[in-house]
Amino acid sequence: MTTTTETKGQKETSLFVRFGDWLSNASMDRSGLTEVTIRLMREDCHLATRVSEIRNSESDPLTPEEVETLMGEKHLNYIADQTGQSLEAIENALTGVLPMLANLLRVDPERLFQYQCKI
């Protein structure tokens, strides 16, 4: 009998899958993390400004500690409550998601926030 053990990355929904859902206009982000993060940025212009200042690329993601500092405990707890994910999983996922959202905020903020209107 073969037992398959999932890696940490397999247990967490891939950030690329979540972002791909968004880019392809899939009806729902699998974890809800991207949707909740965009909603937070839309409601909190200070958070959106901090995110837009991220200059990291996909090849140089943020660290979980940087995510924690950038997002703050209040926002991370809100995302955890809304998505049902652990704080650790959220911080790990946001290390790559936030730089992608930052790029979109700088390049095409209307498209980023339009996503919220389609839901």
N, C-alpha and C. Protein backbone atom coordinates (compact mmCIF):
# COMPACT_ATOMS: atom_id res chain seq x y z
N MET A 1 0.84 -1.17 0.00
CA MET A 1 0.00 0.00 0.00
C MET A 1 0.89 1.24 0.00
N THR A 2 0.61 2.17 -0.90
CA THR A 2 1.38 3.39 -1.02
C THR A 2 0.66 4.53 -0.33
N THR A 3 1.38 5.23 0.52
CA THR A 3 0.83 6.40 1.19
C THR A 3 1.46 7.64 0.59
N THR A 4 0.62 8.55 0.16
CA THR A 4 1.10 9.79 -0.42
C THR A 4 1.05 10.88 0.64
N THR A 5 2.18 11.54 0.84
CA THR A 5 2.25 12.65 1.78
C THR A 5 2.33 13.94 1.00
N GLU A 6 1.42 14.85 1.30
CA GLU A 6 1.43 16.14 0.62
C GLU A 6 2.50 17.03 1.21
N THR A 7 3.15 17.77 0.34
CA THR A 7 4.11 18.76 0.81
C THR A 7 3.34 19.98 1.31
N LYS A 8 4.03 20.86 1.99
CA LYS A 8 3.42 22.10 2.47
C LYS A 8 2.83 22.88 1.30
N GLY A 9 3.56 22.92 0.21
CA GLY A 9 3.09 23.65 -0.97
C GLY A 9 1.84 23.05 -1.58
N GLN A 10 1.71 21.73 -1.54
CA GLN A 10 0.52 21.08 -2.07
C GLN A 10 -0.68 21.29 -1.16
N LYS A 11 -0.44 21.37 0.13
CA LYS A 11 -1.54 21.59 1.07
C LYS A 11 -2.13 22.98 0.91
N GLU A 12 -1.29 23.94 0.61
CA GLU A 12 -1.76 25.30 0.38
C GLU A 12 -2.09 25.44 -1.09
N THR A 13 -3.14 26.10 -1.41
CA THR A 13 -3.47 26.31 -2.81
C THR A 13 -2.36 27.14 -3.44
N SER A 14 -1.89 26.71 -4.58
CA SER A 14 -0.81 27.40 -5.26
C SER A 14 -1.18 28.85 -5.55
N LEU A 15 -0.28 29.76 -5.22
CA LEU A 15 -0.54 31.17 -5.50
C LEU A 15 -0.70 31.41 -6.98
N PHE A 16 -0.02 30.62 -7.80
CA PHE A 16 -0.15 30.79 -9.24
C PHE A 16 -1.52 30.33 -9.73
N VAL A 17 -2.06 29.28 -9.10
CA VAL A 17 -3.41 28.83 -9.45
C VAL A 17 -4.41 29.91 -9.07
N ARG A 18 -4.28 30.46 -7.87
CA ARG A 18 -5.21 31.50 -7.43
C ARG A 18 -5.13 32.71 -8.35
N PHE A 19 -3.93 33.14 -8.66
CA PHE A 19 -3.78 34.32 -9.51
C PHE A 19 -4.23 34.00 -10.93
N GLY A 20 -3.97 32.78 -11.37
CA GLY A 20 -4.44 32.36 -12.69
C GLY A 20 -5.96 32.38 -12.78
N ASP A 21 -6.62 31.97 -11.70
CA ASP A 21 -8.07 32.05 -11.65
C ASP A 21 -8.53 33.48 -11.89
N TRP A 22 -7.86 34.40 -11.22
CA TRP A 22 -8.23 35.79 -11.34
C TRP A 22 -7.99 36.30 -12.75
N LEU A 23 -6.81 36.03 -13.30
CA LEU A 23 -6.48 36.53 -14.63
C LEU A 23 -7.40 35.95 -15.70
N SER A 24 -7.82 34.70 -15.50
CA SER A 24 -8.66 34.06 -16.51
C SER A 24 -10.14 34.31 -16.27
N ASN A 25 -10.45 35.18 -15.32
CA ASN A 25 -11.83 35.50 -14.97
C ASN A 25 -12.61 34.29 -14.49
N ALA A 26 -11.92 33.36 -13.84
CA ALA A 26 -12.63 32.23 -13.24
C ALA A 26 -13.63 32.78 -12.23
N SER A 27 -14.71 32.06 -12.06
CA SER A 27 -15.80 32.58 -11.24
C SER A 27 -15.41 32.74 -9.78
N MET A 28 -14.44 31.97 -9.32
CA MET A 28 -14.11 32.06 -7.91
C MET A 28 -12.66 31.69 -7.67
N ASP A 29 -11.99 32.49 -6.89
CA ASP A 29 -10.65 32.19 -6.41
C ASP A 29 -10.78 30.99 -5.49
N ARG A 30 -9.98 29.97 -5.68
CA ARG A 30 -10.13 28.74 -4.91
C ARG A 30 -10.04 28.95 -3.41
N SER A 31 -9.19 29.82 -2.97
CA SER A 31 -9.05 30.04 -1.53
C SER A 31 -9.74 31.30 -1.06
N GLY A 32 -10.00 32.21 -1.97
CA GLY A 32 -10.58 33.49 -1.59
C GLY A 32 -9.53 34.52 -1.19
N LEU A 33 -8.28 34.10 -1.06
CA LEU A 33 -7.23 34.98 -0.57
C LEU A 33 -7.03 36.20 -1.47
N THR A 34 -6.97 36.02 -2.76
CA THR A 34 -6.77 37.13 -3.68
C THR A 34 -7.94 38.10 -3.60
N GLU A 35 -9.15 37.58 -3.62
CA GLU A 35 -10.34 38.41 -3.56
C GLU A 35 -10.38 39.24 -2.29
N VAL A 36 -10.12 38.62 -1.16
CA VAL A 36 -10.16 39.32 0.13
C VAL A 36 -9.06 40.38 0.19
N THR A 37 -7.88 40.06 -0.32
CA THR A 37 -6.77 41.02 -0.31
C THR A 37 -7.08 42.23 -1.18
N ILE A 38 -7.65 42.00 -2.35
CA ILE A 38 -8.02 43.12 -3.23
C ILE A 38 -9.09 43.97 -2.55
N ARG A 39 -10.06 43.33 -1.93
CA ARG A 39 -11.11 44.09 -1.23
C ARG A 39 -10.51 44.96 -0.12
N LEU A 40 -9.56 44.39 0.62
CA LEU A 40 -8.90 45.17 1.67
C LEU A 40 -8.17 46.38 1.09
N MET A 41 -7.49 46.18 -0.03
CA MET A 41 -6.76 47.29 -0.65
C MET A 41 -7.73 48.36 -1.15
N ARG A 42 -8.86 47.91 -1.64
CA ARG A 42 -9.86 48.86 -2.13
C ARG A 42 -10.46 49.69 -0.99
N GLU A 43 -10.63 49.06 0.17
CA GLU A 43 -11.23 49.73 1.32
C GLU A 43 -10.22 50.53 2.14
N ASP A 44 -8.94 50.23 2.01
CA ASP A 44 -7.90 50.89 2.82
C ASP A 44 -6.84 51.44 1.88
N CYS A 45 -6.95 52.73 1.57
CA CYS A 45 -6.02 53.32 0.60
C CYS A 45 -4.58 53.32 1.11
N HIS A 46 -4.39 53.33 2.43
CA HIS A 46 -3.03 53.27 2.97
C HIS A 46 -2.40 51.91 2.68
N LEU A 47 -3.19 50.85 2.82
CA LEU A 47 -2.70 49.50 2.49
C LEU A 47 -2.39 49.41 1.00
N ALA A 48 -3.30 49.92 0.17
CA ALA A 48 -3.07 49.88 -1.28
C ALA A 48 -1.80 50.63 -1.66
N THR A 49 -1.55 51.75 -1.00
CA THR A 49 -0.33 52.52 -1.27
C THR A 49 0.89 51.72 -0.88
N ARG A 50 0.86 51.10 0.30
CA ARG A 50 2.01 50.28 0.74
C ARG A 50 2.26 49.12 -0.23
N VAL A 51 1.18 48.47 -0.67
CA VAL A 51 1.33 47.35 -1.61
C VAL A 51 1.89 47.85 -2.93
N SER A 52 1.42 48.99 -3.41
CA SER A 52 1.89 49.50 -4.70
C SER A 52 3.37 49.85 -4.69
N GLU A 53 3.93 50.06 -3.52
CA GLU A 53 5.35 50.39 -3.41
C GLU A 53 6.26 49.16 -3.43
N ILE A 54 5.69 47.97 -3.42
CA ILE A 54 6.49 46.74 -3.49
C ILE A 54 7.14 46.69 -4.87
N ARG A 55 8.41 46.43 -4.90
CA ARG A 55 9.15 46.34 -6.17
C ARG A 55 9.75 44.95 -6.39
N ASN A 56 9.38 44.00 -5.56
CA ASN A 56 9.89 42.64 -5.73
C ASN A 56 9.27 42.00 -6.96
N SER A 57 10.01 41.10 -7.57
CA SER A 57 9.52 40.37 -8.73
C SER A 57 9.17 38.95 -8.31
N GLU A 58 8.61 38.18 -9.24
CA GLU A 58 8.30 36.78 -8.96
C GLU A 58 9.55 36.01 -8.58
N SER A 59 10.69 36.39 -9.14
CA SER A 59 11.93 35.69 -8.84
C SER A 59 12.54 36.15 -7.51
N ASP A 60 11.99 37.20 -6.93
CA ASP A 60 12.48 37.72 -5.65
C ASP A 60 11.27 38.03 -4.76
N PRO A 61 10.55 36.97 -4.31
CA PRO A 61 9.33 37.21 -3.52
C PRO A 61 9.64 37.81 -2.17
N LEU A 62 8.60 38.34 -1.56
CA LEU A 62 8.72 38.85 -0.19
C LEU A 62 8.95 37.69 0.77
N THR A 63 9.41 38.00 1.95
CA THR A 63 9.50 36.97 2.99
C THR A 63 8.20 37.03 3.80
N PRO A 64 7.85 35.95 4.50
CA PRO A 64 6.67 36.00 5.36
C PRO A 64 6.75 37.13 6.39
N GLU A 65 7.95 37.43 6.86
CA GLU A 65 8.12 38.52 7.82
C GLU A 65 7.79 39.87 7.18
N GLU A 66 8.21 40.06 5.93
CA GLU A 66 7.89 41.30 5.22
C GLU A 66 6.38 41.43 4.99
N VAL A 67 5.74 40.30 4.68
CA VAL A 67 4.29 40.30 4.50
C VAL A 67 3.61 40.72 5.80
N GLU A 68 4.07 40.15 6.91
CA GLU A 68 3.48 40.47 8.21
C GLU A 68 3.63 41.96 8.52
N THR A 69 4.79 42.52 8.26
CA THR A 69 5.03 43.94 8.50
C THR A 69 4.17 44.80 7.59
N LEU A 70 4.10 44.45 6.32
CA LEU A 70 3.35 45.22 5.33
C LEU A 70 1.85 45.17 5.59
N MET A 71 1.32 43.99 5.84
CA MET A 71 -0.13 43.82 5.98
C MET A 71 -0.63 44.19 7.37
N GLY A 72 0.15 43.90 8.37
CA GLY A 72 -0.28 44.15 9.74
C GLY A 72 -1.17 43.02 10.26
N GLU A 73 -1.15 42.88 11.56
CA GLU A 73 -1.88 41.79 12.21
C GLU A 73 -3.39 41.85 11.94
N LYS A 74 -3.94 43.05 11.97
CA LYS A 74 -5.38 43.22 11.77
C LYS A 74 -5.82 42.68 10.40
N HIS A 75 -5.10 43.05 9.34
CA HIS A 75 -5.47 42.60 7.99
C HIS A 75 -5.23 41.09 7.83
N LEU A 76 -4.13 40.60 8.37
CA LEU A 76 -3.86 39.16 8.25
C LEU A 76 -4.92 38.34 8.98
N ASN A 77 -5.33 38.79 10.15
CA ASN A 77 -6.38 38.08 10.88
C ASN A 77 -7.70 38.12 10.13
N TYR A 78 -7.99 39.24 9.49
CA TYR A 78 -9.21 39.36 8.70
C TYR A 78 -9.18 38.37 7.53
N ILE A 79 -8.06 38.30 6.83
CA ILE A 79 -7.93 37.36 5.70
C ILE A 79 -8.09 35.93 6.21
N ALA A 80 -7.46 35.62 7.34
CA ALA A 80 -7.57 34.27 7.91
C ALA A 80 -9.02 33.95 8.24
N ASP A 81 -9.73 34.90 8.82
CA ASP A 81 -11.13 34.70 9.16
C ASP A 81 -11.98 34.48 7.91
N GLN A 82 -11.72 35.25 6.88
CA GLN A 82 -12.51 35.18 5.65
C GLN A 82 -12.23 33.94 4.81
N THR A 83 -10.99 33.47 4.83
CA THR A 83 -10.60 32.35 3.96
C THR A 83 -10.52 31.01 4.69
N GLY A 84 -10.47 31.05 6.02
CA GLY A 84 -10.34 29.81 6.78
C GLY A 84 -8.94 29.23 6.75
N GLN A 85 -7.98 30.01 6.31
CA GLN A 85 -6.59 29.54 6.26
C GLN A 85 -5.83 29.99 7.50
N SER A 86 -4.74 29.30 7.78
CA SER A 86 -3.89 29.68 8.91
C SER A 86 -3.11 30.94 8.55
N LEU A 87 -2.67 31.65 9.57
CA LEU A 87 -1.85 32.85 9.33
C LEU A 87 -0.58 32.48 8.58
N GLU A 88 0.02 31.36 8.92
CA GLU A 88 1.24 30.93 8.23
C GLU A 88 0.98 30.69 6.75
N ALA A 89 -0.13 30.03 6.42
CA ALA A 89 -0.45 29.76 5.01
C ALA A 89 -0.70 31.06 4.26
N ILE A 90 -1.38 32.00 4.91
CA ILE A 90 -1.66 33.29 4.27
C ILE A 90 -0.37 34.06 4.02
N GLU A 91 0.48 34.13 5.03
CA GLU A 91 1.75 34.85 4.86
C GLU A 91 2.57 34.22 3.75
N ASN A 92 2.62 32.89 3.70
CA ASN A 92 3.39 32.21 2.65
C ASN A 92 2.81 32.50 1.27
N ALA A 93 1.50 32.46 1.14
CA ALA A 93 0.87 32.72 -0.16
C ALA A 93 1.06 34.16 -0.59
N LEU A 94 0.93 35.09 0.35
CA LEU A 94 1.05 36.50 0.01
C LEU A 94 2.47 36.92 -0.38
N THR A 95 3.48 36.10 -0.07
CA THR A 95 4.85 36.44 -0.46
C THR A 95 4.96 36.60 -1.97
N GLY A 96 4.18 35.85 -2.71
CA GLY A 96 4.19 35.97 -4.17
C GLY A 96 3.02 36.75 -4.72
N VAL A 97 1.87 36.66 -4.05
CA VAL A 97 0.67 37.35 -4.53
C VAL A 97 0.82 38.87 -4.45
N LEU A 98 1.34 39.38 -3.34
CA LEU A 98 1.44 40.83 -3.17
C LEU A 98 2.30 41.51 -4.24
N PRO A 99 3.47 40.95 -4.62
CA PRO A 99 4.22 41.60 -5.71
C PRO A 99 3.44 41.64 -7.03
N MET A 100 2.66 40.59 -7.32
CA MET A 100 1.84 40.60 -8.53
C MET A 100 0.76 41.66 -8.45
N LEU A 101 0.11 41.77 -7.29
CA LEU A 101 -0.92 42.78 -7.11
C LEU A 101 -0.31 44.19 -7.15
N ALA A 102 0.89 44.34 -6.61
CA ALA A 102 1.57 45.63 -6.65
C ALA A 102 1.81 46.07 -8.08
N ASN A 103 2.26 45.15 -8.91
CA ASN A 103 2.49 45.46 -10.31
C ASN A 103 1.19 45.89 -10.99
N LEU A 104 0.12 45.17 -10.74
CA LEU A 104 -1.16 45.55 -11.33
C LEU A 104 -1.66 46.89 -10.82
N LEU A 105 -1.42 47.19 -9.56
CA LEU A 105 -1.81 48.50 -9.02
C LEU A 105 -1.11 49.63 -9.75
N ARG A 106 0.15 49.40 -10.09
CA ARG A 106 0.91 50.44 -10.78
C ARG A 106 0.53 50.51 -12.26
N VAL A 107 0.28 49.38 -12.88
CA VAL A 107 0.05 49.33 -14.32
C VAL A 107 -1.41 49.58 -14.70
N ASP A 108 -2.34 48.93 -14.00
CA ASP A 108 -3.74 48.99 -14.38
C ASP A 108 -4.65 48.82 -13.17
N PRO A 109 -4.71 49.83 -12.29
CA PRO A 109 -5.51 49.70 -11.08
C PRO A 109 -7.00 49.49 -11.35
N GLU A 110 -7.52 50.06 -12.43
CA GLU A 110 -8.93 49.87 -12.73
C GLU A 110 -9.24 48.40 -12.98
N ARG A 111 -8.37 47.71 -13.70
CA ARG A 111 -8.58 46.28 -13.96
C ARG A 111 -8.54 45.50 -12.65
N LEU A 112 -7.62 45.85 -11.78
CA LEU A 112 -7.50 45.15 -10.51
C LEU A 112 -8.77 45.30 -9.69
N PHE A 113 -9.27 46.51 -9.57
CA PHE A 113 -10.45 46.74 -8.75
C PHE A 113 -11.74 46.39 -9.46
N GLN A 114 -11.72 46.32 -10.79
CA GLN A 114 -12.88 45.89 -11.56
C GLN A 114 -13.21 44.44 -11.22
N TYR A 115 -12.19 43.66 -10.90
CA TYR A 115 -12.36 42.27 -10.52
C TYR A 115 -13.38 42.15 -9.40
N GLN A 116 -13.33 43.06 -8.45
CA GLN A 116 -14.26 43.03 -7.33
C GLN A 116 -15.70 43.27 -7.78
N CYS A 117 -15.88 44.04 -8.81
CA CYS A 117 -17.23 44.35 -9.28
C CYS A 117 -17.87 43.17 -10.00
N LYS A 118 -17.08 42.26 -10.54
CA LYS A 118 -17.60 41.11 -11.27
C LYS A 118 -18.11 40.01 -10.36
N ILE A 119 -17.73 40.05 -9.11
CA ILE A 119 -18.08 38.96 -8.19
C ILE A 119 -19.49 39.11 -7.68
